[in-house]
Amino acid sequence: MSSVEATIEGAKRLAAFTAIDSHFPKDAKVVGIGSGSTVIYCVERIVEKKLAGEISSDVIYIPTGFQSKELIINGGLNLGAVDGYPVIDVAFDGADEVDPALNCIKGGGACLFQEKLVAECAKKFVVVADFRKNSTALGTQWLQGVPIEVVPTAHAKVRQDLLAMGAITATLRLGGKAKAGAVITDNCNVIIDAHFGKISDPVALAQKIKLLVGVVEVGLFINMATASYFGNADGSVTAKFSNGEVSQIQ
């Protein structure tokens, strides 16, 4: 691992540990576990605190996809499903980009529908990320585009709709060396990544995309996060909250 990679992984771990220490309720019964590389460290911290007796062994954990399901199982935690536990005390998840209002682009790992479902069911939604995801405006750092989950037979139509709407690019996400053809989500749909450049009004854009026939869900998470924790290269953590408060944790 290079020094740059080590710094990024350290930043992810810092953000995850700080978020868990700050927001895991002592009386939690059901907790959502998101997807992505930073969430690995959330589960690591939960397992540590469980073994130390700081977290009850009775807590049920709700995954947002295959990866988080495996993390829960391998961590020896209690696995549940969102259709069995639609009320979640808190959910922890990563993000591809976060703006000052805590609006997020999510779905780089193709789990956006289940991530949004779990976040919507949670009383509190906490984002964990490294400093690269801390942005002044959506679409300025995450240039791959807004992930959009689409019914397979509608992908050509939706791509045309997105380009007509003003997308600079609208690309069907392919599996690359791992798969011949499109990436298939856990819900058996495909992903279109639509890059709009700097997104000045993420609320309006999310609404317009969601109304397109064939769209299952949009990777714009608007007014959902309670707090967001960014691990920094210098070993500090920047915490941002939905009320506009920002704090630096050394």
Protein backbone atom coordinates (compact mmCIF):
# COMPACT_ATOMS: atom_id res chain seq x y z
CA MET A 1 0.00 0.00 0.00
CA SER A 2 1.39 3.41 -0.99
CA SER A 3 1.62 6.28 1.48
CA VAL A 4 -1.28 8.03 -0.27
CA GLU A 5 -3.45 4.93 -0.03
CA ALA A 6 -2.50 4.49 3.62
CA THR A 7 -3.48 8.10 4.35
CA ILE A 8 -6.88 7.63 2.68
CA GLU A 9 -7.56 4.36 4.52
CA GLY A 10 -6.55 5.99 7.79
CA ALA A 11 -8.93 8.86 7.09
CA LYS A 12 -11.79 6.46 6.40
CA ARG A 13 -11.11 4.59 9.62
CA LEU A 14 -11.02 7.81 11.65
CA ALA A 15 -14.35 8.98 10.21
CA ALA A 16 -16.02 5.63 10.80
CA PHE A 17 -14.77 5.19 14.37
CA THR A 18 -15.75 8.75 15.30
CA ALA A 19 -19.23 8.36 13.81
CA ILE A 20 -19.86 5.08 15.62
CA ASP A 21 -18.57 6.45 18.93
CA SER A 22 -20.74 9.57 18.56
CA HIS A 23 -24.01 8.18 17.19
CA PHE A 24 -24.47 4.52 18.12
CA PRO A 25 -27.36 4.65 20.66
CA LYS A 26 -26.79 2.83 23.94
CA ASP A 27 -30.32 1.42 23.70
CA ALA A 28 -30.17 0.62 19.97
CA LYS A 29 -32.28 -2.29 18.79
CA VAL A 30 -31.94 -2.03 14.98
CA VAL A 31 -29.01 -0.47 13.08
CA GLY A 32 -28.53 -0.01 9.34
CA ILE A 33 -25.19 -0.85 7.74
CA GLY A 34 -24.46 0.76 4.38
CA SER A 35 -22.12 -0.13 1.56
CA GLY A 36 -18.62 0.85 0.49
CA SER A 37 -15.06 0.85 1.72
CA THR A 38 -15.55 3.23 4.66
CA VAL A 39 -18.39 1.16 6.13
CA ILE A 40 -15.92 -1.71 6.62
CA TYR A 41 -14.42 0.35 9.44
CA CYS A 42 -17.86 1.07 10.92
CA VAL A 43 -18.43 -2.65 11.32
CA GLU A 44 -14.91 -3.08 12.70
CA ARG A 45 -15.67 -0.51 15.41
CA ILE A 46 -19.07 -2.04 16.20
CA VAL A 47 -17.50 -5.47 16.63
CA GLU A 48 -14.80 -4.00 18.91
CA LYS A 49 -17.40 -2.28 21.09
CA LYS A 50 -19.60 -5.37 21.18
CA LEU A 51 -16.68 -7.53 22.37
CA ALA A 52 -15.90 -4.89 25.00
CA GLY A 53 -19.48 -5.09 26.26
CA GLU A 54 -20.28 -1.53 25.18
CA ILE A 55 -22.84 -2.63 22.59
CA SER A 56 -25.56 -5.19 23.25
CA SER A 57 -25.26 -8.53 21.50
CA ASP A 58 -29.02 -8.37 20.81
CA VAL A 59 -28.83 -5.54 18.25
CA ILE A 60 -30.17 -6.43 14.79
CA TYR A 61 -28.20 -5.12 11.78
CA ILE A 62 -29.86 -4.33 8.45
CA PRO A 63 -27.67 -4.50 5.31
CA THR A 64 -28.04 -2.40 2.16
CA GLY A 65 -26.66 -5.06 -0.16
CA PHE A 66 -24.50 -8.14 -0.53
CA GLN A 67 -21.30 -6.51 0.74
CA SER A 68 -22.81 -5.20 3.97
CA LYS A 69 -24.64 -8.50 4.50
CA GLU A 70 -21.29 -10.30 4.38
CA LEU A 71 -19.74 -7.74 6.76
CA ILE A 72 -22.52 -8.34 9.28
CA ILE A 73 -22.28 -12.13 9.04
CA ASN A 74 -18.47 -12.22 9.17
CA GLY A 75 -18.49 -9.87 12.14
CA GLY A 76 -20.68 -12.26 14.11
CA LEU A 77 -23.51 -9.71 14.27
CA ASN A 78 -27.26 -10.41 14.08
CA LEU A 79 -28.50 -10.15 10.50
CA GLY A 80 -31.94 -8.75 9.77
CA ALA A 81 -33.80 -7.46 6.71
CA VAL A 82 -35.46 -4.12 6.16
CA ASP A 83 -38.84 -5.67 5.35
CA GLY A 84 -38.80 -7.30 8.79
CA TYR A 85 -37.47 -4.21 10.61
CA PRO A 86 -38.79 -1.08 8.86
CA VAL A 87 -37.99 1.13 11.87
CA ILE A 88 -34.22 1.60 12.25
CA ASP A 89 -32.61 3.52 15.12
CA VAL A 90 -29.62 4.74 13.11
CA ALA A 91 -28.00 3.93 9.77
CA PHE A 92 -24.33 4.42 8.88
CA ASP A 93 -23.28 4.67 5.25
CA GLY A 94 -20.61 6.10 2.97
CA ALA A 95 -20.99 8.59 0.13
CA ASP A 96 -19.34 9.46 -3.16
CA GLU A 97 -19.71 13.23 -2.62
CA VAL A 98 -21.31 15.41 0.06
CA ASP A 99 -22.22 19.10 -0.25
CA PRO A 100 -22.39 21.68 2.61
CA ALA A 101 -26.12 20.94 3.14
CA LEU A 102 -25.25 17.22 3.53
CA ASN A 103 -26.93 16.30 0.26
CA CYS A 104 -25.07 13.31 -1.19
CA ILE A 105 -24.29 11.53 -4.40
CA LYS A 106 -24.39 7.80 -3.66
CA GLY A 107 -24.42 4.65 -5.72
CA GLY A 108 -20.84 4.24 -6.88
CA GLY A 109 -21.11 0.69 -5.59
CA ALA A 110 -24.47 0.14 -7.34
CA CYS A 111 -26.44 -0.26 -4.06
CA LEU A 112 -28.30 3.04 -4.13
CA PHE A 113 -31.87 1.75 -3.97
CA GLN A 114 -31.36 -0.35 -0.85
CA GLU A 115 -29.10 2.33 0.65
CA LYS A 116 -31.87 4.91 0.24
CA LEU A 117 -34.51 2.51 1.57
CA VAL A 118 -32.52 1.83 4.74
CA ALA A 119 -31.65 5.52 5.18
CA GLU A 120 -35.32 6.47 4.78
CA CYS A 121 -36.31 3.93 7.45
CA ALA A 122 -33.72 5.26 9.90
CA LYS A 123 -34.49 7.80 12.60
CA LYS A 124 -30.95 9.09 12.10
CA PHE A 125 -28.77 8.76 8.98
CA VAL A 126 -25.03 9.28 9.47
CA VAL A 127 -22.57 9.58 6.57
CA VAL A 128 -18.92 8.52 6.89
CA ALA A 129 -16.28 9.39 4.30
CA ASP A 130 -12.73 10.59 3.74
CA PHE A 131 -11.70 14.15 2.90
CA ARG A 132 -11.98 13.57 -0.88
CA LYS A 133 -15.78 13.38 -0.59
CA ASN A 134 -16.16 16.72 1.23
CA SER A 135 -17.36 19.02 -1.56
CA THR A 136 -18.54 22.59 -2.05
CA ALA A 137 -21.14 21.44 -4.61
CA LEU A 138 -22.31 18.10 -5.96
CA GLY A 139 -20.92 17.15 -9.35
CA THR A 140 -17.62 18.97 -8.90
CA GLN A 141 -15.52 16.19 -7.36
CA TRP A 142 -17.45 13.02 -8.21
CA LEU A 143 -17.25 13.22 -11.99
CA GLN A 144 -18.51 9.72 -12.79
CA GLY A 145 -22.05 11.07 -12.65
CA VAL A 146 -25.21 10.62 -10.62
CA PRO A 147 -25.95 6.87 -10.39
CA ILE A 148 -29.49 6.05 -11.48
CA GLU A 149 -31.01 2.58 -11.09
CA VAL A 150 -33.13 1.72 -14.10
CA VAL A 151 -35.35 -1.17 -15.26
CA PRO A 152 -33.22 -2.95 -17.91
CA THR A 153 -35.69 -2.64 -20.79
CA ALA A 154 -35.90 1.14 -20.23
CA HIS A 155 -32.18 1.95 -20.26
CA ALA A 156 -32.05 3.31 -23.84
CA LYS A 157 -35.10 5.55 -23.29
CA VAL A 158 -33.85 6.83 -19.94
CA ARG A 159 -30.42 7.65 -21.42
CA GLN A 160 -32.12 9.75 -24.10
CA ASP A 161 -34.29 11.45 -21.48
CA LEU A 162 -31.27 12.32 -19.34
CA LEU A 163 -29.35 13.80 -22.27
CA ALA A 164 -32.42 15.84 -23.24
CA MET A 165 -32.62 17.01 -19.62
CA GLY A 166 -29.10 18.44 -19.86
CA ALA A 167 -26.78 15.62 -18.85
CA ILE A 168 -23.30 16.01 -20.34
CA THR A 169 -22.99 12.22 -20.47
CA ALA A 170 -25.36 9.38 -19.60
CA THR A 171 -23.54 6.06 -19.62
CA LEU A 172 -24.76 2.54 -18.98
CA ARG A 173 -22.40 1.14 -16.35
CA LEU A 174 -20.59 -1.94 -17.60
CA GLY A 175 -19.02 -4.75 -15.59
CA GLY A 176 -15.60 -4.41 -17.22
CA LYS A 177 -13.30 -7.41 -16.87
CA ALA A 178 -15.55 -8.88 -14.22
CA LYS A 179 -18.61 -9.19 -16.47
CA ALA A 180 -19.52 -9.03 -20.14
CA GLY A 181 -22.32 -6.50 -20.28
CA ALA A 182 -23.98 -4.17 -17.82
CA VAL A 183 -23.56 -4.14 -14.05
CA ILE A 184 -26.66 -5.77 -12.54
CA THR A 185 -27.82 -4.49 -9.16
CA ASP A 186 -29.00 -6.61 -6.22
CA ASN A 187 -32.52 -5.77 -7.46
CA CYS A 188 -31.78 -7.08 -10.99
CA ASN A 189 -31.70 -3.62 -12.56
CA VAL A 190 -29.00 -1.66 -14.40
CA ILE A 191 -27.18 1.57 -13.55
CA ILE A 192 -26.87 4.69 -15.68
CA ASP A 193 -24.28 7.26 -14.57
CA ALA A 194 -25.40 10.73 -15.64
CA HIS A 195 -22.91 13.58 -15.32
CA PHE A 196 -24.52 17.04 -15.15
CA GLY A 197 -21.44 19.02 -14.13
CA LYS A 198 -21.92 21.25 -11.09
CA ILE A 199 -25.41 20.61 -9.70
CA SER A 200 -26.83 23.95 -8.61
CA ASP A 201 -30.21 22.58 -7.51
CA PRO A 202 -29.94 18.93 -6.44
CA VAL A 203 -33.51 18.92 -5.09
CA ALA A 204 -35.04 19.81 -8.45
CA LEU A 205 -32.72 17.49 -10.37
CA ALA A 206 -33.55 14.51 -8.15
CA GLN A 207 -37.27 15.14 -8.61
CA LYS A 208 -37.00 15.40 -12.42
CA ILE A 209 -34.97 12.22 -12.75
CA LYS A 210 -37.24 10.23 -10.41
CA LEU A 211 -40.27 11.11 -12.56
CA LEU A 212 -38.78 9.48 -15.66
CA VAL A 213 -40.55 6.25 -16.61
CA GLY A 214 -38.15 3.37 -16.07
CA VAL A 215 -36.22 4.97 -13.20
CA VAL A 216 -36.29 2.94 -9.99
CA GLU A 217 -34.20 5.28 -7.81
CA VAL A 218 -31.80 8.21 -8.05
CA GLY A 219 -28.44 8.40 -6.29
CA LEU A 220 -29.12 11.89 -4.97
CA PHE A 221 -29.82 11.73 -1.24
CA ILE A 222 -31.53 15.01 -0.43
CA ASN A 223 -32.16 16.30 3.12
CA MET A 224 -31.58 12.84 4.58
CA ALA A 225 -28.32 12.99 6.53
CA THR A 226 -28.27 14.07 10.18
CA ALA A 227 -24.48 14.27 10.29
CA SER A 228 -21.46 13.60 8.09
CA TYR A 229 -17.97 12.72 9.28
CA PHE A 230 -14.92 13.26 7.06
CA GLY A 231 -11.56 11.81 8.04
CA ASN A 232 -8.74 14.19 7.08
CA ALA A 233 -5.18 13.56 5.97
CA ASP A 234 -3.78 15.26 9.09
CA GLY A 235 -5.52 12.84 11.45
CA SER A 236 -8.43 15.12 12.34
CA VAL A 237 -12.12 14.58 11.59
CA THR A 238 -14.47 17.24 10.24
CA ALA A 239 -18.04 16.78 11.48
CA LYS A 240 -20.90 18.52 9.69
CA PHE A 241 -24.50 18.53 10.90
CA SER A 242 -27.87 19.16 9.28
CA ASN A 243 -28.37 22.30 11.40
CA GLY A 244 -25.31 23.88 9.73
CA GLU A 245 -22.91 23.29 12.60
CA VAL A 246 -19.35 22.29 11.70
CA SER A 247 -16.75 21.04 14.16
CA GLN A 248 -13.16 19.84 13.93
CA ILE A 249 -12.25 16.80 16.01
CA GLN A 250 -8.56 16.20 16.71
